[in-house]
Amino acid sequence: MPRRPRVFLPGYPVHVVQRGNNRSQVFFASKDAQIYLGWLREAAVEHGVAVHAYVLMTNHIHLLVSPETAHALPRAMRHVNWRYSRYINDSRGRTGSIWEGRYRASLVDADDYFFACSRYIELNPVRAGIATAPAAFRWSSYKANGEGKLDPLISAHPLYTDLAATSEGRALTYRYLFEGGLPDTMLGAIRDAVNGGWPLGRASFAALVSRHAGRPLTQRKRGRPARCNELFVPGTFKSGPLIIPGTN
């Protein structure tokens, strides 16, 4: 069966998952993670992809990115995946692809699901039981987003910039998002969307992506993703109410 073509809209965030072949290990040492992040940054700059969140797990990665053009993300991923595969094969005396086919990708409705997806990514080590808190895991974007520390790979999305007037205020507001876990309905919606290649968002967003693709693109299992509980924080979020978990 032919693979369904993926759809990318310039400027719209995309949740990316890339797994190791047969879910096998792809990062074996700190040096591997450092090299991968360096090459990912080079590829992102060269091909026009803004990286907003990431996590490197032992056998897979998650990214939240915004490509500038429809071809930017495929080119960037091809660039870094080929280069990293060659490095691992050469350094570990192996052959063949280290990745499980092509990466999975889901367009994200930024206004409603950007921060939920970012939290999903940065909480991955906590859900996996390898970290007690997102700040305790080294190979993620949490320290950039939640603590304001410099990470040359990270480009702030406008929604993140709108959280507060200062970098300290943005980091503090972002940390509020992690005071409660994501609801099971949201976890399921994010997983279904990225595994199936469906848009993550409201019905109107799915319709927009479907029109662009020229074919229906709807999530079939769970229906429309459930929205998180919301709390409006005056003066911190221009594009809509700030989503803070555990408030209702």
Foldseek 3Di string as FASTA:
>chain_A
DDDDDAWADAFFKKKKKWFWAVNDFLDDDPVLLVVLLVLLLVLCVVLAKAWAKKFDDGTMIITIIGHRDRCRVVRSCVRSQVVSQVVCCVVVVHDDHGIHPDMFMATEPCLFCVLVSRQVRLCVCVVVVNDVDSVRDDGMCLCCQQVVDDDSRHDHDVQLCLQAVDSRSSNPSSVLQVPDDDDPLQVVLVVQCRVVSAYQADPVVQVVRCVVVVHRGFRDDSGHGDTADFDADPRRGDSDTDHGHPPD
